[in-house]
PDB file of N, CA and C in Angstrom:
ATOM      1  N   MET A   1      -0.250 -15.525  -4.270  1.00  0.00           N
ATOM      2  CA  MET A   1      -0.699 -15.151  -2.903  1.00  0.00           C
ATOM      3  C   MET A   1       0.271 -13.913  -2.390  1.00  0.00           C
ATOM      4  N   GLY A   2       1.419 -13.822  -2.977  1.00  0.00           N
ATOM      5  CA  GLY A   2       2.182 -12.512  -2.567  1.00  0.00           C
ATOM      6  C   GLY A   2       1.464 -11.492  -3.187  1.00  0.00           C
ATOM      7  N   PHE A   3       1.051 -11.586  -4.390  1.00  0.00           N
ATOM      8  CA  PHE A   3       0.525 -10.369  -4.804  1.00  0.00           C
ATOM      9  C   PHE A   3      -0.786  -9.766  -3.968  1.00  0.00           C
ATOM     10  N   LEU A   4      -1.594 -10.659  -3.532  1.00  0.00           N
ATOM     11  CA  LEU A   4      -2.685 -10.417  -2.888  1.00  0.00           C
ATOM     12  C   LEU A   4      -2.377  -9.582  -1.500  1.00  0.00           C
ATOM     13  N   LEU A   5      -1.149 -10.306  -0.763  1.00  0.00           N
ATOM     14  CA  LEU A   5      -0.692  -9.786   0.425  1.00  0.00           C
ATOM     15  C   LEU A   5       0.006  -8.484   0.485  1.00  0.00           C
ATOM     16  N   LEU A   6       0.626  -8.279  -0.694  1.00  0.00           N
ATOM     17  CA  LEU A   6       1.614  -6.992  -0.684  1.00  0.00           C
ATOM     18  C   LEU A   6       1.067  -5.751  -0.233  1.00  0.00           C
ATOM     19  N   PRO A   7      -0.198  -5.144  -0.606  1.00  0.00           N
ATOM     20  CA  PRO A   7      -0.642  -3.725  -0.048  1.00  0.00           C
ATOM     21  C   PRO A   7      -0.682  -4.029   1.530  1.00  0.00           C
ATOM     22  N   THR A   8      -1.568  -5.247   1.822  1.00  0.00           N
ATOM     23  CA  THR A   8      -1.805  -5.285   3.310  1.00  0.00           C
ATOM     24  C   THR A   8      -0.494  -5.150   4.154  1.00  0.00           C
ATOM     25  N   THR A   9       0.598  -6.029   3.525  1.00  0.00           N
ATOM     26  CA  THR A   9       1.988  -6.060   4.374  1.00  0.00           C
ATOM     27  C   THR A   9       2.520  -4.627   4.408  1.00  0.00           C
ATOM     28  N   LEU A  10       2.616  -3.922   3.315  1.00  0.00           N
ATOM     29  CA  LEU A  10       3.218  -2.601   3.191  1.00  0.00           C
ATOM     30  C   LEU A  10       2.509  -1.523   3.994  1.00  0.00           C
ATOM     31  N   LEU A  11       1.088  -1.611   3.904  1.00  0.00           N
ATOM     32  CA  LEU A  11       0.414  -0.743   4.704  1.00  0.00           C
ATOM     33  C   LEU A  11       0.474  -1.040   6.199  1.00  0.00           C
ATOM     34  N   THR A  12       0.570  -2.261   6.615  1.00  0.00           N
ATOM     35  CA  THR A  12       0.716  -2.492   7.960  1.00  0.00           C
ATOM     36  C   THR A  12       2.214  -2.256   8.621  1.00  0.00           C
ATOM     37  N   LEU A  13       3.183  -2.194   7.698  1.00  0.00           N
ATOM     38  CA  LEU A  13       4.507  -1.733   7.946  1.00  0.00           C
ATOM     39  C   LEU A  13       4.417  -0.188   8.178  1.00  0.00           C
ATOM     40  N   ARG A  14       3.711   0.498   7.375  1.00  0.00           N
ATOM     41  CA  ARG A  14       3.396   1.907   7.191  1.00  0.00           C
ATOM     42  C   ARG A  14       2.819   2.336   8.590  1.00  0.00           C
ATOM     43  N   TRP A  15       1.857   1.751   9.061  1.00  0.00           N
ATOM     44  CA  TRP A  15       1.014   1.870  10.262  1.00  0.00           C
ATOM     45  C   TRP A  15       1.926   1.776  11.458  1.00  0.00           C
ATOM     46  N   ILE A  16       2.682   0.896  11.606  1.00  0.00           N
ATOM     47  CA  ILE A  16       3.605   0.413  12.815  1.00  0.00           C
ATOM     48  C   ILE A  16       4.695   1.571  12.900  1.00  0.00           C
ATOM     49  N   ARG A  17       5.506   1.525  11.636  1.00  0.00           N
ATOM     50  CA  ARG A  17       6.594   2.560  11.577  1.00  0.00           C
ATOM     51  C   ARG A  17       6.488   3.522  10.473  1.00  0.00           C
ATOM     52  N   ALA A  18       5.814   4.615  10.531  1.00  0.00           N
ATOM     53  CA  ALA A  18       5.812   5.656   9.396  1.00  0.00           C
ATOM     54  C   ALA A  18       7.187   5.941   8.780  1.00  0.00           C
ATOM     55  N   LYS A  19       8.127   6.028   9.735  1.00  0.00           N
ATOM     56  CA  LYS A  19       9.456   6.563   9.072  1.00  0.00           C
ATOM     57  C   LYS A  19      10.221   5.527   8.587  1.00  0.00           C
ATOM     58  N   TRP A  20       9.784   4.196   8.574  1.00  0.00           N
ATOM     59  CA  TRP A  20      10.362   3.141   7.945  1.00  0.00           C
ATOM     60  C   TRP A  20       9.852   3.037   6.418  1.00  0.00           C
ATOM     61  N   MET A  21       8.579   3.357   6.330  1.00  0.00           N
ATOM     62  CA  MET A  21       7.780   3.377   5.126  1.00  0.00           C
ATOM     63  C   MET A  21       7.116   4.389   4.851  1.00  0.00           C
ATOM     64  N   PRO A  22       7.766   5.631   4.208  1.00  0.00           N
ATOM     65  CA  PRO A  22       7.143   6.619   3.781  1.00  0.00           C
ATOM     66  C   PRO A  22       6.351   6.439   2.452  1.00  0.00           C
ATOM     67  N   TRP A  23       5.382   7.384   2.230  1.00  0.00           N
ATOM     68  CA  TRP A  23       4.483   7.227   1.018  1.00  0.00           C
ATOM     69  C   TRP A  23       5.123   6.779  -0.311  1.00  0.00           C
ATOM     70  N   TRP A  24       6.332   7.595  -0.601  1.00  0.00           N
ATOM     71  CA  TRP A  24       6.909   7.456  -1.818  1.00  0.00           C
ATOM     72  C   TRP A  24       7.555   5.994  -1.853  1.00  0.00           C
ATOM     73  N   ALA A  25       8.003   5.344  -0.755  1.00  0.00           N
ATOM     74  CA  ALA A  25       8.527   3.925  -0.722  1.00  0.00           C
ATOM     75  C   ALA A  25       7.426   2.984  -0.800  1.00  0.00           C
ATOM     76  N   LEU A  26       6.300   3.151  -0.222  1.00  0.00           N
ATOM     77  CA  LEU A  26       5.218   2.470  -0.323  1.00  0.00           C
ATOM     78  C   LEU A  26       4.631   2.234  -1.860  1.00  0.00           C
ATOM     79  N   ALA A  27       4.527   3.362  -2.453  1.00  0.00           N
ATOM     80  CA  ALA A  27       4.142   3.378  -3.789  1.00  0.00           C
ATOM     81  C   ALA A  27       5.216   2.766  -4.713  1.00  0.00           C
ATOM     82  N   LEU A  28       6.490   2.975  -4.642  1.00  0.00           N
ATOM     83  CA  LEU A  28       7.608   2.293  -5.193  1.00  0.00           C
ATOM     84  C   LEU A  28       7.662   0.800  -5.211  1.00  0.00           C
ATOM     85  N   ILE A  29       7.474   0.408  -3.902  1.00  0.00           N
ATOM     86  CA  ILE A  29       7.630  -0.985  -3.697  1.00  0.00           C
ATOM     87  C   ILE A  29       6.519  -1.600  -4.298  1.00  0.00           C
ATOM     88  N   THR A  30       5.126  -1.108  -4.231  1.00  0.00           N
ATOM     89  CA  THR A  30       3.941  -1.671  -4.609  1.00  0.00           C
ATOM     90  C   THR A  30       4.338  -1.834  -6.146  1.00  0.00           C
ATOM     91  N   LEU A  31       4.616  -0.749  -6.840  1.00  0.00           N
ATOM     92  CA  LEU A  31       4.490  -0.978  -8.255  1.00  0.00           C
ATOM     93  C   LEU A  31       5.716  -1.764  -8.810  1.00  0.00           C
ATOM     94  N   THR A  32       6.779  -1.776  -8.193  1.00  0.00           N
ATOM     95  CA  THR A  32       7.911  -2.711  -8.610  1.00  0.00           C
ATOM     96  C   THR A  32       7.706  -4.207  -8.432  1.00  0.00           C
ATOM     97  N   VAL A  33       7.270  -4.624  -7.069  1.00  0.00           N
ATOM     98  CA  VAL A  33       6.911  -5.797  -6.728  1.00  0.00           C
ATOM     99  C   VAL A  33       5.792  -6.417  -7.287  1.00  0.00           C
ATOM    100  N   GLY A  34       4.811  -5.423  -7.273  1.00  0.00           N
ATOM    101  CA  GLY A  34       3.460  -5.968  -7.947  1.00  0.00           C
ATOM    102  C   GLY A  34       3.715  -6.277  -9.284  1.00  0.00           C
ATOM    103  N   TRP A  35       4.272  -5.436 -10.139  1.00  0.00           N
ATOM    104  CA  TRP A  35       4.648  -5.767 -11.530  1.00  0.00           C
ATOM    105  C   TRP A  35       5.475  -6.963 -11.635  1.00  0.00           C
ATOM    106  N   ALA A  36       6.709  -7.392 -10.813  1.00  0.00           N
ATOM    107  CA  ALA A  36       7.301  -8.593 -10.854  1.00  0.00           C
ATOM    108  C   ALA A  36       6.416  -9.813 -10.588  1.00  0.00           C
ATOM    109  N   LEU A  37       5.528  -9.754  -9.682  1.00  0.00           N
ATOM    110  CA  LEU A  37       4.590 -10.575  -9.324  1.00  0.00           C
ATOM    111  C   LEU A  37       3.507 -10.927 -10.524  1.00  0.00           C
ATOM    112  N   ALA A  38       3.060 -10.130 -10.963  1.00  0.00           N
ATOM    113  CA  ALA A  38       2.004 -10.163 -12.084  1.00  0.00           C
ATOM    114  C   ALA A  38       2.878 -10.711 -13.379  1.00  0.00           C
ATOM    115  N   PHE A  39       3.850 -10.269 -13.764  1.00  0.00           N
ATOM    116  CA  PHE A  39       4.641 -10.652 -14.764  1.00  0.00           C
ATOM    117  C   PHE A  39       5.117 -12.333 -14.543  1.00  0.00           C
ATOM    118  N   GLY A  40       5.568 -12.518 -13.430  1.00  0.00           N
ATOM    119  CA  GLY A  40       5.887 -13.862 -13.153  1.00  0.00           C
ATOM    120  C   GLY A  40       4.714 -14.897 -13.239  1.00  0.00           C
ATOM    121  N   ALA A  41       3.486 -14.289 -12.599  1.00  0.00           N
ATOM    122  CA  ALA A  41       2.263 -15.211 -12.739  1.00  0.00           C
ATOM    123  C   ALA A  41       1.896 -15.367 -14.232  1.00  0.00           C
ATOM    124  N   ALA A  42       2.149 -14.421 -15.216  1.00  0.00           N
ATOM    125  CA  ALA A  42       1.791 -14.528 -16.466  1.00  0.00           C
ATOM    126  C   ALA A  42       2.610 -15.530 -17.290  1.00  0.00           C
ATOM    127  N   ILE A  43       3.981 -15.499 -16.775  1.00  0.00           N
ATOM    128  CA  ILE A  43       4.854 -16.252 -17.414  1.00  0.00           C
ATOM    129  C   ILE A  43       4.574 -17.878 -17.147  1.00  0.00           C
ATOM    130  N   THR A  44       4.484 -18.137 -15.685  1.00  0.00           N
ATOM    131  CA  THR A  44       4.153 -19.411 -15.220  1.00  0.00           C
ATOM    132  C   THR A  44       2.833 -20.059 -15.364  1.00  0.00           C
ATOM    133  N   ALA A  45       2.024 -19.427 -15.731  1.00  0.00           N
ATOM    134  CA  ALA A  45       0.614 -19.857 -15.936  1.00  0.00           C
ATOM    135  C   ALA A  45       0.444 -20.986 -17.134  1.00  0.00           C
ATOM    136  N   ASP A  46      -0.231 -22.119 -16.661  1.00  0.00           N
ATOM    137  CA  ASP A  46      -0.508 -23.118 -17.750  1.00  0.00           C
ATOM    138  C   ASP A  46      -1.458 -22.844 -19.041  1.00  0.00           C
ATOM    139  N   ARG A  47      -0.955 -22.979 -19.964  1.00  0.00           N
ATOM    140  CA  ARG A  47      -1.745 -22.561 -21.163  1.00  0.00           C
ATOM    141  C   ARG A  47      -1.612 -23.747 -22.298  1.00  0.00           C
ATOM    142  N   PRO A  48      -2.247 -23.669 -23.485  1.00  0.00           N
ATOM    143  CA  PRO A  48      -2.118 -24.583 -24.449  1.00  0.00           C
ATOM    144  C   PRO A  48      -0.756 -24.417 -25.198  1.00  0.00           C
ATOM    145  N   ALA A  49      -0.225 -25.282 -25.757  1.00  0.00           N
ATOM    146  CA  ALA A  49       0.902 -25.269 -26.584  1.00  0.00           C
ATOM    147  C   ALA A  49       0.900 -24.141 -27.502  1.00  0.00           C
ATOM    148  N   GLU A  50      -0.147 -23.834 -28.171  1.00  0.00           N
ATOM    149  CA  GLU A  50      -0.167 -22.826 -29.325  1.00  0.00           C
ATOM    150  C   GLU A  50      -0.615 -21.364 -28.639  1.00  0.00           C
ATOM    151  N   LYS A  51       0.059 -21.002 -27.618  1.00  0.00           N
ATOM    152  CA  LYS A  51      -0.241 -19.700 -26.954  1.00  0.00           C
ATOM    153  C   LYS A  51       0.314 -18.630 -27.836  1.00  0.00           C
ATOM    154  N   SER A  52      -0.310 -17.447 -27.696  1.00  0.00           N
ATOM    155  CA  SER A  52      -0.045 -16.331 -28.411  1.00  0.00           C
ATOM    156  C   SER A  52       1.218 -15.454 -27.859  1.00  0.00           C
ATOM    157  N   GLY A  53       1.180 -15.388 -26.549  1.00  0.00           N
ATOM    158  CA  GLY A  53       2.072 -14.420 -25.816  1.00  0.00           C
ATOM    159  C   GLY A  53       1.549 -13.257 -25.475  1.00  0.00           C
ATOM    160  N   ALA A  54       0.325 -13.073 -25.802  1.00  0.00           N
ATOM    161  CA  ALA A  54      -0.377 -11.831 -25.487  1.00  0.00           C
ATOM    162  C   ALA A  54      -0.494 -11.524 -23.859  1.00  0.00           C
ATOM    163  N   PRO A  55      -0.818 -12.484 -22.870  1.00  0.00           N
ATOM    164  CA  PRO A  55      -0.894 -12.329 -21.651  1.00  0.00           C
ATOM    165  C   PRO A  55       0.384 -11.757 -21.033  1.00  0.00           C
ATOM    166  N   GLU A  56       1.608 -12.474 -21.570  1.00  0.00           N
ATOM    167  CA  GLU A  56       2.870 -12.087 -21.254  1.00  0.00           C
ATOM    168  C   GLU A  56       3.189 -10.860 -21.413  1.00  0.00           C
ATOM    169  N   LEU A  57       2.833 -10.246 -22.608  1.00  0.00           N
ATOM    170  CA  LEU A  57       3.163  -9.016 -23.173  1.00  0.00           C
ATOM    171  C   LEU A  57       2.399  -7.943 -22.388  1.00  0.00           C
ATOM    172  N   PHE A  58       1.239  -8.346 -22.205  1.00  0.00           N
ATOM    173  CA  PHE A  58       0.321  -7.440 -21.453  1.00  0.00           C
ATOM    174  C   PHE A  58       0.840  -7.206 -19.980  1.00  0.00           C
ATOM    175  N   ALA A  59       1.153  -8.346 -19.355  1.00  0.00           N
ATOM    176  CA  ALA A  59       1.789  -8.051 -17.902  1.00  0.00           C
ATOM    177  C   ALA A  59       3.078  -7.471 -17.983  1.00  0.00           C
ATOM    178  N   LEU A  60       3.756  -7.716 -18.885  1.00  0.00           N
ATOM    179  CA  LEU A  60       5.114  -6.900 -19.139  1.00  0.00           C
ATOM    180  C   LEU A  60       4.918  -5.461 -19.259  1.00  0.00           C
ATOM    181  N   MET A  61       3.891  -5.048 -19.951  1.00  0.00           N
ATOM    182  CA  MET A  61       3.733  -3.630 -20.067  1.00  0.00           C
ATOM    183  C   MET A  61       2.915  -2.812 -18.961  1.00  0.00           C
ATOM    184  N   PHE A  62       1.865  -3.543 -18.322  1.00  0.00           N
ATOM    185  CA  PHE A  62       0.950  -3.155 -17.701  1.00  0.00           C
ATOM    186  C   PHE A  62       1.006  -3.893 -16.388  1.00  0.00           C
ATOM    187  N   GLY A  63       1.771  -4.669 -15.932  1.00  0.00           N
ATOM    188  CA  GLY A  63       1.685  -5.268 -14.602  1.00  0.00           C
ATOM    189  C   GLY A  63       1.699  -4.496 -13.372  1.00  0.00           C
ATOM    190  N   TRP A  64       2.366  -3.074 -13.607  1.00  0.00           N
ATOM    191  CA  TRP A  64       2.345  -2.298 -12.375  1.00  0.00           C
ATOM    192  C   TRP A  64       0.958  -1.652 -12.282  1.00  0.00           C
ATOM    193  N   LEU A  65       0.111  -1.766 -13.429  1.00  0.00           N
ATOM    194  CA  LEU A  65      -1.187  -1.147 -13.239  1.00  0.00           C
ATOM    195  C   LEU A  65      -2.113  -2.100 -12.522  1.00  0.00           C
ATOM    196  N   TYR A  66      -2.066  -3.506 -12.491  1.00  0.00           N
ATOM    197  CA  TYR A  66      -2.692  -4.347 -11.803  1.00  0.00           C
ATOM    198  C   TYR A  66      -2.348  -4.066 -10.389  1.00  0.00           C
ATOM    199  N   ALA A  67      -0.815  -3.617 -10.006  1.00  0.00           N
ATOM    200  CA  ALA A  67      -0.850  -3.621  -8.667  1.00  0.00           C
ATOM    201  C   ALA A  67      -1.335  -2.127  -8.141  1.00  0.00           C
ATOM    202  N   LEU A  68      -1.196  -1.243  -8.836  1.00  0.00           N
ATOM    203  CA  LEU A  68      -1.820  -0.007  -8.597  1.00  0.00           C
ATOM    204  C   LEU A  68      -3.305  -0.032  -8.318  1.00  0.00           C
ATOM    205  N   LEU A  69      -4.126  -0.780  -9.119  1.00  0.00           N
ATOM    206  CA  LEU A  69      -5.505  -0.945  -9.036  1.00  0.00           C
ATOM    207  C   LEU A  69      -5.893  -1.656  -7.714  1.00  0.00           C
ATOM    208  N   TRP A  70      -4.944  -2.828  -7.288  1.00  0.00           N
ATOM    209  CA  TRP A  70      -5.095  -3.379  -6.134  1.00  0.00           C
ATOM    210  C   TRP A  70      -4.768  -2.730  -5.015  1.00  0.00           C
ATOM    211  N   LEU A  71      -3.949  -1.723  -5.004  1.00  0.00           N
ATOM    212  CA  LEU A  71      -3.581  -0.908  -4.048  1.00  0.00           C
ATOM    213  C   LEU A  71      -4.786   0.129  -3.462  1.00  0.00           C
ATOM    214  N   LEU A  72      -5.418   0.629  -4.563  1.00  0.00           N
ATOM    215  CA  LEU A  72      -6.325   1.559  -4.174  1.00  0.00           C
ATOM    216  C   LEU A  72      -7.456   1.241  -3.349  1.00  0.00           C
ATOM    217  N   PRO A  73      -8.022   0.090  -3.356  1.00  0.00           N
ATOM    218  CA  PRO A  73      -9.170  -0.287  -2.151  1.00  0.00           C
ATOM    219  C   PRO A  73      -8.326  -0.360  -0.785  1.00  0.00           C
ATOM    220  N   HIS A  74      -7.271  -0.847  -0.776  1.00  0.00           N
ATOM    221  CA  HIS A  74      -6.569  -0.949   0.461  1.00  0.00           C
ATOM    222  C   HIS A  74      -6.160   0.506   1.132  1.00  0.00           C
ATOM    223  N   LEU A  75      -5.829   1.426   0.128  1.00  0.00           N
ATOM    224  CA  LEU A  75      -5.559   2.851   0.697  1.00  0.00           C
ATOM    225  C   LEU A  75      -6.764   3.431   1.156  1.00  0.00           C
ATOM    226  N   ALA A  76      -7.931   3.021   0.622  1.00  0.00           N
ATOM    227  CA  ALA A  76      -9.404   3.609   1.027  1.00  0.00           C
ATOM    228  C   ALA A  76      -9.664   3.039   2.296  1.00  0.00           C
ATOM    229  N   LEU A  77      -9.404   1.864   2.572  1.00  0.00           N
ATOM    230  CA  LEU A  77      -9.582   1.182   3.820  1.00  0.00           C
ATOM    231  C   LEU A  77      -8.707   1.572   4.795  1.00  0.00           C
ATOM    232  N   TYR A  78      -7.525   2.090   4.517  1.00  0.00           N
ATOM    233  CA  TYR A  78      -6.542   2.341   5.468  1.00  0.00           C
ATOM    234  C   TYR A  78      -6.854   3.875   5.894  1.00  0.00           C
ATOM    235  N   GLY A  79      -7.229   4.669   5.120  1.00  0.00           N
ATOM    236  CA  GLY A  79      -7.499   5.982   5.331  1.00  0.00           C
ATOM    237  C   GLY A  79      -8.886   6.058   6.209  1.00  0.00           C
ATOM    238  N   ALA A  80      -9.870   5.206   5.915  1.00  0.00           N
ATOM    239  CA  ALA A  80     -11.180   5.239   6.564  1.00  0.00           C
ATOM    240  C   ALA A  80     -10.683   4.751   8.127  1.00  0.00           C
ATOM    241  N   ILE A  81      -9.928   3.653   8.233  1.00  0.00           N
ATOM    242  CA  ILE A  81      -9.627   3.250   9.645  1.00  0.00           C
ATOM    243  C   ILE A  81      -8.800   4.369  10.355  1.00  0.00           C
ATOM    244  N   ARG A  82      -7.934   5.028   9.612  1.00  0.00           N
ATOM    245  CA  ARG A  82      -7.030   5.961  10.286  1.00  0.00           C
ATOM    246  C   ARG A  82      -7.975   7.152  10.797  1.00  0.00           C
ATOM    247  N   TRP A  83      -8.962   7.766  10.001  1.00  0.00           N
ATOM    248  CA  TRP A  83      -9.868   8.574  10.102  1.00  0.00           C
ATOM    249  C   TRP A  83     -10.875   8.283  11.377  1.00  0.00           C
ATOM    250  N   GLY A  84     -11.422   7.162  11.394  1.00  0.00           N
ATOM    251  CA  GLY A  84     -12.158   6.676  12.406  1.00  0.00           C
ATOM    252  C   GLY A  84     -11.492   6.619  13.853  1.00  0.00           C
ATOM    253  N   LEU A  85     -10.302   6.118  13.807  1.00  0.00           N
ATOM    254  CA  LEU A  85      -9.682   6.184  15.156  1.00  0.00           C
ATOM    255  C   LEU A  85      -9.212   7.623  15.523  1.00  0.00           C
ATOM    256  N   ARG A  86      -8.884   8.433  14.688  1.00  0.00           N
ATOM    257  CA  ARG A  86      -8.620   9.759  14.949  1.00  0.00           C
ATOM    258  C   ARG A  86      -9.788  10.596  15.506  1.00  0.00           C
ATOM    259  N   THR A  87     -11.047  10.023  15.209  1.00  0.00           N
ATOM    260  CA  THR A  87     -12.260  10.894  15.373  1.00  0.00           C
ATOM    261  C   THR A  87     -12.859  10.132  16.715  1.00  0.00           C
ATOM    262  N   LEU A  88     -12.550   8.988  17.054  1.00  0.00           N
ATOM    263  CA  LEU A  88     -12.978   8.551  18.146  1.00  0.00           C
ATOM    264  C   LEU A  88     -12.071   8.510  19.448  1.00  0.00           C
ATOM    265  N   ARG A  89     -10.752   8.788  19.127  1.00  0.00           N
ATOM    266  CA  ARG A  89      -9.742   9.043  20.226  1.00  0.00           C
ATOM    267  C   ARG A  89     -10.206  10.286  20.901  1.00  0.00           C
ATOM    268  N   PRO A  90     -10.231  10.295  22.363  1.00  0.00           N
ATOM    269  CA  PRO A  90     -10.540  11.544  23.062  1.00  0.00           C
ATOM    270  C   PRO A  90      -9.328  12.405  23.036  1.00  0.00           C
ATOM    271  N   GLU A  91      -9.586  13.701  22.875  1.00  0.00           N
ATOM    272  CA  GLU A  91      -8.434  14.482  22.672  1.00  0.00           C
ATOM    273  C   GLU A  91      -7.938  14.801  24.126  1.00  0.00           C
ATOM    274  N   PRO A  92      -6.497  15.016  24.196  1.00  0.00           N
ATOM    275  CA  PRO A  92      -5.910  15.394  25.587  1.00  0.00           C
ATOM    276  C   PRO A  92      -6.320  16.596  26.046  1.00  0.00           C
ATOM    277  N   PRO A  93      -6.402  16.918  27.313  1.00  0.00           N
ATOM    278  CA  PRO A  93      -6.781  18.128  28.019  1.00  0.00           C
ATOM    279  C   PRO A  93      -5.477  19.231  27.460  1.00  0.00           C
ATOM    280  N   ILE A  94      -6.185  20.529  27.192  1.00  0.00           N
ATOM    281  CA  ILE A  94      -5.181  21.386  26.744  1.00  0.00           C
ATOM    282  C   ILE A  94      -4.872  22.193  28.122  1.00  0.00           C
ATOM    283  N   THR A  95      -3.495  22.136  28.299  1.00  0.00           N
ATOM    284  CA  THR A  95      -2.929  22.934  29.602  1.00  0.00           C
ATOM    285  C   THR A  95      -2.528  24.216  29.150  1.00  0.00           C
ATOM    286  N   GLN A  96      -2.701  25.024  30.008  1.00  0.00           N
ATOM    287  CA  GLN A  96      -2.258  26.353  29.892  1.00  0.00           C
ATOM    288  C   GLN A  96      -0.737  26.679  30.414  1.00  0.00           C
ATOM    289  N   PRO A  97       0.065  27.375  29.777  1.00  0.00           N
ATOM    290  CA  PRO A  97       1.458  27.535  30.094  1.00  0.00           C
ATOM    291  C   PRO A  97       1.503  28.211  31.332  1.00  0.00           C
ATOM    292  N   ARG A  98       2.260  28.087  32.225  1.00  0.00           N
ATOM    293  CA  ARG A  98       2.517  28.720  33.535  1.00  0.00           C
ATOM    294  C   ARG A  98       2.966  30.219  33.229  1.00  0.00           C
ATOM    295  N   ARG A  99       2.166  31.138  34.084  1.00  0.00           N
ATOM    296  CA  ARG A  99       2.659  32.493  33.946  1.00  0.00           C
ATOM    297  C   ARG A  99       3.867  32.813  34.828  1.00  0.00           C
ATOM    298  N   PRO A 100       4.682  33.607  34.469  1.00  0.00           N
ATOM    299  CA  PRO A 100       5.865  33.768  35.478  1.00  0.00           C
ATOM    300  C   PRO A 100       5.459  34.780  36.631  1.00  0.00           C
ATOM    301  N   ASN A 101       5.803  34.434  37.773  1.00  0.00           N
ATOM    302  CA  ASN A 101       5.295  35.285  38.836  1.00  0.00           C
ATOM    303  C   ASN A 101       6.210  36.448  38.977  1.00  0.00           C
ATOM    304  N   LEU A 102       5.567  37.638  38.670  1.00  0.00           N
ATOM    305  CA  LEU A 102       6.377  38.953  38.745  1.00  0.00           C
ATOM    306  C   LEU A 102       6.226  39.668  39.930  1.00  0.00           C
ATOM    307  N   ASP A 103       5.866  39.210  41.025  1.00  0.00           N
ATOM    308  CA  ASP A 103       5.759  39.764  42.210  1.00  0.00           C
ATOM    309  C   ASP A 103       7.100  40.005  42.899  1.00  0.00           C
TER     310      ASP A 103
END
């Protein structure tokens, strides 16, 4: 469940406080925590006694790829929502600076 909620949680933090969650931190946390969760799920999964160890090895080597692939649709949705809100928001009126009175 943590793996499924990881991108949503991190992008929500990014939305609320962009200074707390820069893009490099979001990517790093997604890759490391996603890898750990994928590898942990591969280790704890119930399998027959004569297991080969291939799922654990694949998760060990490419668990970060699962996290990255799961992050991509979330990034697309995040970008679409931000773009939509930016285009629908009315622009503030442009005020002209005051000219100094030279009289």
